[in-house]
PDB file of N, CA and C in Angstrom:
ATOM      1  N   UNK A   1      48.666  88.204 -90.699  1.00  0.00           N
ATOM      2  CA  UNK A   1      47.943  88.905 -91.462  1.00  0.00           C
ATOM      3  C   UNK A   1      46.287  89.411 -90.714  1.00  0.00           C
ATOM      4  N   UNK A   2      46.992  90.307 -90.669  1.00  0.00           N
ATOM      5  CA  UNK A   2      45.446  91.393 -89.847  1.00  0.00           C
ATOM      6  C   UNK A   2      44.578  91.814 -90.622  1.00  0.00           C
ATOM      7  N   UNK A   3      43.553  91.950 -90.237  1.00  0.00           N
ATOM      8  CA  UNK A   3      42.390  92.152 -90.226  1.00  0.00           C
ATOM      9  C   UNK A   3      41.867  93.635 -91.046  1.00  0.00           C
ATOM     10  N   UNK A   4      42.505  94.222 -90.704  1.00  0.00           N
ATOM     11  CA  UNK A   4      42.761  95.475 -91.678  1.00  0.00           C
ATOM     12  C   UNK A   4      43.286  95.632 -92.683  1.00  0.00           C
ATOM     13  N   UNK A   5      44.637  94.890 -92.994  1.00  0.00           N
ATOM     14  CA  UNK A   5      45.115  94.624 -94.419  1.00  0.00           C
ATOM     15  C   UNK A   5      44.350  93.566 -95.057  1.00  0.00           C
ATOM     16  N   UNK A   6      43.589  92.964 -94.742  1.00  0.00           N
ATOM     17  CA  UNK A   6      42.826  91.826 -95.534  1.00  0.00           C
ATOM     18  C   UNK A   6      41.796  92.929 -96.172  1.00  0.00           C
ATOM     19  N   UNK A   7      41.215  93.434 -95.597  1.00  0.00           N
ATOM     20  CA  UNK A   7      40.067  94.501 -95.745  1.00  0.00           C
ATOM     21  C   UNK A   7      40.902  95.795 -96.960  1.00  0.00           C
ATOM     22  N   UNK A   8      41.251  95.964 -96.582  1.00  0.00           N
ATOM     23  CA  UNK A   8      42.341  96.970 -97.692  1.00  0.00           C
ATOM     24  C   UNK A   8      42.489  96.344 -99.422  1.00  0.00           C
ATOM     25  N   UNK A   9      42.842  94.786 -98.552  1.00  0.00           N
ATOM     26  CA  UNK A   9      43.287  93.987 -99.878  1.00  0.00           C
ATOM     27  C   UNK A   9      42.088  93.534-100.729  1.00  0.00           C
ATOM     28  N   UNK A  10      40.913  93.550 -99.710  1.00  0.00           N
ATOM     29  CA  UNK A  10      39.695  93.110-100.664  1.00  0.00           C
ATOM     30  C   UNK A  10      38.845  94.119-101.149  1.00  0.00           C
ATOM     31  N   UNK A  11      38.918  95.437-101.033  1.00  0.00           N
ATOM     32  CA  UNK A  11      38.059  95.978-101.629  1.00  0.00           C
ATOM     33  C   UNK A  11      38.427  96.352-103.428  1.00  0.00           C
ATOM     34  N   UNK A  12      36.887  96.188-103.718  1.00  0.00           N
ATOM     35  CA  UNK A  12      36.673  96.380-105.042  1.00  0.00           C
ATOM     36  C   UNK A  12      35.961  97.800-105.368  1.00  0.00           C
ATOM     37  N   UNK A  13      36.126  98.113-106.570  1.00  0.00           N
ATOM     38  CA  UNK A  13      35.412  99.430-106.950  1.00  0.00           C
ATOM     39  C   UNK A  13      34.010  99.227-107.204  1.00  0.00           C
ATOM     40  N   UNK A  14      33.315 100.134-106.691  1.00  0.00           N
ATOM     41  CA  UNK A  14      31.497 100.182-106.348  1.00  0.00           C
ATOM     42  C   UNK A  14      31.478 100.852-107.621  1.00  0.00           C
ATOM     43  N   UNK A  15      30.478 100.119-108.482  1.00  0.00           N
ATOM     44  CA  UNK A  15      29.699 101.176-109.747  1.00  0.00           C
ATOM     45  C   UNK A  15      28.087 101.133-109.594  1.00  0.00           C
ATOM     46  N   UNK A  16      27.546 101.817-109.030  1.00  0.00           N
ATOM     47  CA  UNK A  16      26.140 101.972-109.293  1.00  0.00           C
ATOM     48  C   UNK A  16      25.383 101.625-110.324  1.00  0.00           C
ATOM     49  N   UNK A  17      24.033 101.391-110.134  1.00  0.00           N
ATOM     50  CA  UNK A  17      23.448 100.657-111.029  1.00  0.00           C
ATOM     51  C   UNK A  17      23.319 102.038-112.023  1.00  0.00           C
ATOM     52  N   UNK A  18      22.807 102.694-111.336  1.00  0.00           N
ATOM     53  CA  UNK A  18      21.843 104.169-111.933  1.00  0.00           C
ATOM     54  C   UNK A  18      22.547 105.042-111.202  1.00  0.00           C
ATOM     55  N   UNK A  19      23.081 106.509-112.041  1.00  0.00           N
ATOM     56  CA  UNK A  19      24.032 107.307-111.485  1.00  0.00           C
ATOM     57  C   UNK A  19      23.139 108.414-111.037  1.00  0.00           C
ATOM     58  N   UNK A  20      23.968 109.124-109.618  1.00  0.00           N
ATOM     59  CA  UNK A  20      23.602 109.854-108.931  1.00  0.00           C
ATOM     60  C   UNK A  20      22.349 110.863-109.811  1.00  0.00           C
ATOM     61  N   UNK A  21      22.679 111.316-110.794  1.00  0.00           N
ATOM     62  CA  UNK A  21      22.286 112.318-111.474  1.00  0.00           C
ATOM     63  C   UNK A  21      21.132 111.604-112.166  1.00  0.00           C
ATOM     64  N   UNK A  22      20.281 110.515-112.449  1.00  0.00           N
ATOM     65  CA  UNK A  22      19.210 110.023-112.829  1.00  0.00           C
ATOM     66  C   UNK A  22      18.628 109.225-111.780  1.00  0.00           C
ATOM     67  N   UNK A  23      18.881 109.199-110.190  1.00  0.00           N
ATOM     68  CA  UNK A  23      17.992 108.312-109.431  1.00  0.00           C
ATOM     69  C   UNK A  23      16.651 109.166-109.050  1.00  0.00           C
ATOM     70  N   UNK A  24      16.912 110.458-109.282  1.00  0.00           N
ATOM     71  CA  UNK A  24      15.274 110.789-109.129  1.00  0.00           C
ATOM     72  C   UNK A  24      14.454 110.596-110.324  1.00  0.00           C
ATOM     73  N   UNK A  25      14.808 110.231-111.370  1.00  0.00           N
ATOM     74  CA  UNK A  25      13.794 110.354-112.721  1.00  0.00           C
ATOM     75  C   UNK A  25      13.650 108.629-112.590  1.00  0.00           C
ATOM     76  N   UNK A  26      14.714 108.175-112.007  1.00  0.00           N
ATOM     77  CA  UNK A  26      13.981 106.262-112.000  1.00  0.00           C
ATOM     78  C   UNK A  26      13.050 105.910-110.955  1.00  0.00           C
ATOM     79  N   UNK A  27      13.469 106.925-109.887  1.00  0.00           N
ATOM     80  CA  UNK A  27      12.720 107.032-108.476  1.00  0.00           C
ATOM     81  C   UNK A  27      11.461 107.608-108.885  1.00  0.00           C
ATOM     82  N   UNK A  28      11.285 108.524-109.764  1.00  0.00           N
ATOM     83  CA  UNK A  28       9.749 108.958-109.988  1.00  0.00           C
ATOM     84  C   UNK A  28       9.255 108.202-111.044  1.00  0.00           C
ATOM     85  N   UNK A  29       9.759 107.274-111.709  1.00  0.00           N
ATOM     86  CA  UNK A  29       8.839 106.768-112.465  1.00  0.00           C
ATOM     87  C   UNK A  29       8.495 105.270-112.200  1.00  0.00           C
ATOM     88  N   UNK A  30       9.368 104.956-110.982  1.00  0.00           N
ATOM     89  CA  UNK A  30       9.020 103.503-110.228  1.00  0.00           C
ATOM     90  C   UNK A  30       7.664 103.892-109.819  1.00  0.00           C
ATOM     91  N   UNK A  31       8.075 104.976-109.095  1.00  0.00           N
ATOM     92  CA  UNK A  31       6.733 105.683-108.007  1.00  0.00           C
ATOM     93  C   UNK A  31       5.397 105.654-108.887  1.00  0.00           C
ATOM     94  N   UNK A  32       5.611 106.253-110.267  1.00  0.00           N
ATOM     95  CA  UNK A  32       4.389 106.246-111.061  1.00  0.00           C
ATOM     96  C   UNK A  32       3.778 104.768-111.505  1.00  0.00           C
ATOM     97  N   UNK A  33       4.589 104.227-111.738  1.00  0.00           N
ATOM     98  CA  UNK A  33       4.410 102.886-112.153  1.00  0.00           C
ATOM     99  C   UNK A  33       3.216 102.184-110.972  1.00  0.00           C
ATOM    100  N   UNK A  34       4.232 102.316-109.961  1.00  0.00           N
ATOM    101  CA  UNK A  34       3.319 101.747-108.415  1.00  0.00           C
ATOM    102  C   UNK A  34       1.996 102.183-108.349  1.00  0.00           C
ATOM    103  N   UNK A  35       2.117 103.562-108.670  1.00  0.00           N
ATOM    104  CA  UNK A  35       0.171 104.045-108.636  1.00  0.00           C
ATOM    105  C   UNK A  35      -0.556 103.870-109.297  1.00  0.00           C
ATOM    106  N   UNK A  36       0.298 103.376-110.423  1.00  0.00           N
ATOM    107  CA  UNK A  36      -1.014 102.912-112.113  1.00  0.00           C
ATOM    108  C   UNK A  36      -1.498 101.581-111.415  1.00  0.00           C
ATOM    109  N   UNK A  37      -0.519 100.709-111.119  1.00  0.00           N
ATOM    110  CA  UNK A  37      -1.004  99.275-111.100  1.00  0.00           C
ATOM    111  C   UNK A  37      -1.549  99.110-110.081  1.00  0.00           C
ATOM    112  N   UNK A  38      -0.981  99.932-108.630  1.00  0.00           N
ATOM    113  CA  UNK A  38      -2.133  99.970-107.583  1.00  0.00           C
ATOM    114  C   UNK A  38      -3.754 100.587-108.226  1.00  0.00           C
ATOM    115  N   UNK A  39      -4.061 101.151-108.597  1.00  0.00           N
ATOM    116  CA  UNK A  39      -4.863 101.574-109.175  1.00  0.00           C
ATOM    117  C   UNK A  39      -5.582 100.221-110.284  1.00  0.00           C
ATOM    118  N   UNK A  40      -4.702 100.131-110.810  1.00  0.00           N
ATOM    119  CA  UNK A  40      -5.747  98.541-111.791  1.00  0.00           C
ATOM    120  C   UNK A  40      -5.754  97.485-110.860  1.00  0.00           C
ATOM    121  N   UNK A  41      -5.127  97.343-109.644  1.00  0.00           N
ATOM    122  CA  UNK A  41      -5.218  96.082-109.066  1.00  0.00           C
ATOM    123  C   UNK A  41      -6.959  96.494-108.168  1.00  0.00           C
ATOM    124  N   UNK A  42      -6.724  97.507-107.725  1.00  0.00           N
ATOM    125  CA  UNK A  42      -7.977  98.087-107.009  1.00  0.00           C
ATOM    126  C   UNK A  42      -9.191  98.162-107.430  1.00  0.00           C
ATOM    127  N   UNK A  43      -9.024  97.989-108.753  1.00  0.00           N
ATOM    128  CA  UNK A  43     -10.563  97.774-109.480  1.00  0.00           C
ATOM    129  C   UNK A  43     -10.698  96.953-109.982  1.00  0.00           C
ATOM    130  N   UNK A  44     -10.243  95.657-109.788  1.00  0.00           N
ATOM    131  CA  UNK A  44     -10.449  94.182-110.349  1.00  0.00           C
ATOM    132  C   UNK A  44      -9.242  93.154-108.993  1.00  0.00           C
ATOM    133  N   UNK A  45      -9.934  93.222-107.902  1.00  0.00           N
ATOM    134  CA  UNK A  45      -8.757  92.476-106.870  1.00  0.00           C
ATOM    135  C   UNK A  45      -9.316  91.046-107.123  1.00  0.00           C
ATOM    136  N   UNK A  46      -8.452  90.220-108.055  1.00  0.00           N
ATOM    137  CA  UNK A  46      -8.944  88.996-107.807  1.00  0.00           C
ATOM    138  C   UNK A  46      -7.607  87.866-107.621  1.00  0.00           C
ATOM    139  N   UNK A  47      -7.513  86.872-107.379  1.00  0.00           N
ATOM    140  CA  UNK A  47      -6.831  86.206-107.001  1.00  0.00           C
ATOM    141  C   UNK A  47      -5.601  86.051-108.334  1.00  0.00           C
ATOM    142  N   UNK A  48      -5.918  86.312-109.141  1.00  0.00           N
ATOM    143  CA  UNK A  48      -4.868  86.091-110.587  1.00  0.00           C
ATOM    144  C   UNK A  48      -3.936  87.553-110.488  1.00  0.00           C
ATOM    145  N   UNK A  49      -4.262  88.873-110.134  1.00  0.00           N
ATOM    146  CA  UNK A  49      -3.994  89.680-110.259  1.00  0.00           C
ATOM    147  C   UNK A  49      -3.143  89.961-109.061  1.00  0.00           C
ATOM    148  N   UNK A  50      -3.045  88.965-108.236  1.00  0.00           N
ATOM    149  CA  UNK A  50      -2.029  89.269-107.568  1.00  0.00           C
ATOM    150  C   UNK A  50      -0.922  89.667-107.728  1.00  0.00           C
ATOM    151  N   UNK A  51      -0.138  88.408-108.510  1.00  0.00           N
ATOM    152  CA  UNK A  51       0.771  88.226-108.567  1.00  0.00           C
ATOM    153  C   UNK A  51       1.256  89.185-110.268  1.00  0.00           C
ATOM    154  N   UNK A  52       0.085  89.045-111.025  1.00  0.00           N
ATOM    155  CA  UNK A  52       0.043  90.266-112.114  1.00  0.00           C
ATOM    156  C   UNK A  52       0.342  91.508-111.941  1.00  0.00           C
ATOM    157  N   UNK A  53      -0.270  92.110-110.902  1.00  0.00           N
ATOM    158  CA  UNK A  53      -0.526  93.555-110.512  1.00  0.00           C
ATOM    159  C   UNK A  53       0.235  94.062-109.197  1.00  0.00           C
ATOM    160  N   UNK A  54      -0.414  93.162-108.350  1.00  0.00           N
ATOM    161  CA  UNK A  54       0.313  93.320-106.689  1.00  0.00           C
ATOM    162  C   UNK A  54       1.315  93.562-106.637  1.00  0.00           C
ATOM    163  N   UNK A  55       1.872  92.313-107.008  1.00  0.00           N
ATOM    164  CA  UNK A  55       3.429  92.411-106.561  1.00  0.00           C
ATOM    165  C   UNK A  55       4.293  93.086-107.258  1.00  0.00           C
ATOM    166  N   UNK A  56       4.238  92.889-108.555  1.00  0.00           N
ATOM    167  CA  UNK A  56       5.156  94.456-108.902  1.00  0.00           C
ATOM    168  C   UNK A  56       4.656  95.530-108.863  1.00  0.00           C
ATOM    169  N   UNK A  57       3.336  96.169-108.369  1.00  0.00           N
ATOM    170  CA  UNK A  57       3.325  97.395-107.676  1.00  0.00           C
ATOM    171  C   UNK A  57       4.027  97.688-106.455  1.00  0.00           C
ATOM    172  N   UNK A  58       4.098  96.498-105.815  1.00  0.00           N
ATOM    173  CA  UNK A  58       4.820  96.991-104.409  1.00  0.00           C
ATOM    174  C   UNK A  58       6.254  96.630-104.499  1.00  0.00           C
ATOM    175  N   UNK A  59       6.926  96.113-105.319  1.00  0.00           N
ATOM    176  CA  UNK A  59       8.198  95.829-105.716  1.00  0.00           C
ATOM    177  C   UNK A  59       8.130  97.193-106.108  1.00  0.00           C
ATOM    178  N   UNK A  60       8.109  98.211-107.446  1.00  0.00           N
ATOM    179  CA  UNK A  60       8.156  99.259-107.920  1.00  0.00           C
ATOM    180  C   UNK A  60       8.115 100.450-106.929  1.00  0.00           C
ATOM    181  N   UNK A  61       7.234 100.050-106.395  1.00  0.00           N
ATOM    182  CA  UNK A  61       6.653 101.060-105.180  1.00  0.00           C
ATOM    183  C   UNK A  61       7.949 100.991-103.565  1.00  0.00           C
ATOM    184  N   UNK A  62       8.397  99.654-103.721  1.00  0.00           N
ATOM    185  CA  UNK A  62       9.916  99.700-102.726  1.00  0.00           C
ATOM    186  C   UNK A  62      11.388 100.418-103.308  1.00  0.00           C
ATOM    187  N   UNK A  63      11.560  99.833-104.315  1.00  0.00           N
ATOM    188  CA  UNK A  63      12.575 100.459-105.136  1.00  0.00           C
ATOM    189  C   UNK A  63      12.271 101.805-105.152  1.00  0.00           C
ATOM    190  N   UNK A  64      11.521 102.359-105.712  1.00  0.00           N
ATOM    191  CA  UNK A  64      11.028 103.869-106.354  1.00  0.00           C
ATOM    192  C   UNK A  64      11.382 104.511-104.968  1.00  0.00           C
ATOM    193  N   UNK A  65      11.029 103.971-103.860  1.00  0.00           N
ATOM    194  CA  UNK A  65      10.718 105.064-102.422  1.00  0.00           C
ATOM    195  C   UNK A  65      12.596 105.037-102.184  1.00  0.00           C
ATOM    196  N   UNK A  66      13.186 104.082-102.157  1.00  0.00           N
ATOM    197  CA  UNK A  66      14.220 103.737-102.190  1.00  0.00           C
ATOM    198  C   UNK A  66      15.378 104.840-103.164  1.00  0.00           C
ATOM    199  N   UNK A  67      14.891 104.913-104.028  1.00  0.00           N
ATOM    200  CA  UNK A  67      15.782 105.670-104.942  1.00  0.00           C
ATOM    201  C   UNK A  67      15.087 107.215-104.937  1.00  0.00           C
ATOM    202  N   UNK A  68      13.833 107.380-104.292  1.00  0.00           N
ATOM    203  CA  UNK A  68      13.961 108.685-103.899  1.00  0.00           C
ATOM    204  C   UNK A  68      14.439 109.295-102.939  1.00  0.00           C
ATOM    205  N   UNK A  69      14.723 108.252-101.741  1.00  0.00           N
ATOM    206  CA  UNK A  69      15.762 108.716-100.746  1.00  0.00           C
ATOM    207  C   UNK A  69      16.938 108.985-100.661  1.00  0.00           C
ATOM    208  N   UNK A  70      17.293 108.069-102.057  1.00  0.00           N
ATOM    209  CA  UNK A  70      18.847 108.122-102.645  1.00  0.00           C
ATOM    210  C   UNK A  70      18.999 109.416-103.112  1.00  0.00           C
ATOM    211  N   UNK A  71      18.254 110.102-103.928  1.00  0.00           N
ATOM    212  CA  UNK A  71      18.318 111.158-104.890  1.00  0.00           C
ATOM    213  C   UNK A  71      17.787 112.137-103.929  1.00  0.00           C
ATOM    214  N   UNK A  72      17.441 112.834-103.008  1.00  0.00           N
ATOM    215  CA  UNK A  72      16.921 114.025-102.515  1.00  0.00           C
ATOM    216  C   UNK A  72      17.894 113.979-101.297  1.00  0.00           C
ATOM    217  N   UNK A  73      18.408 112.666-100.730  1.00  0.00           N
ATOM    218  CA  UNK A  73      19.214 112.598 -99.244  1.00  0.00           C
ATOM    219  C   UNK A  73      18.263 112.891 -98.175  1.00  0.00           C
ATOM    220  N   UNK A  74      19.176 112.388 -97.284  1.00  0.00           N
ATOM    221  CA  UNK A  74      18.613 112.230 -96.092  1.00  0.00           C
ATOM    222  C   UNK A  74      19.604 113.186 -95.052  1.00  0.00           C
ATOM    223  N   UNK A  75      18.787 114.195 -94.279  1.00  0.00           N
ATOM    224  CA  UNK A  75      19.673 115.161 -93.427  1.00  0.00           C
ATOM    225  C   UNK A  75      19.451 114.775 -91.965  1.00  0.00           C
ATOM    226  N   UNK A  76      20.171 114.893 -91.384  1.00  0.00           N
ATOM    227  CA  UNK A  76      19.937 113.877 -89.711  1.00  0.00           C
ATOM    228  C   UNK A  76      20.835 115.420 -89.340  1.00  0.00           C
TER     229      UNK A  76
END
């Protein structure tokens, strides 16, 4: 069995979590949530707020940025 036939037989359909039409909305919402959480974290920077506000803010910013890049498109 060659590598090409193995590749062709193992492919499965891909269903994205967010449809192409909804990526901009999801990305914008995540970036807005990240902005709010970052602002709240900046007002009260305690050790307890790092896992409560800091980590969710950074995750929301990361995923929101990726969704916005996918929604708007990257042209090279």
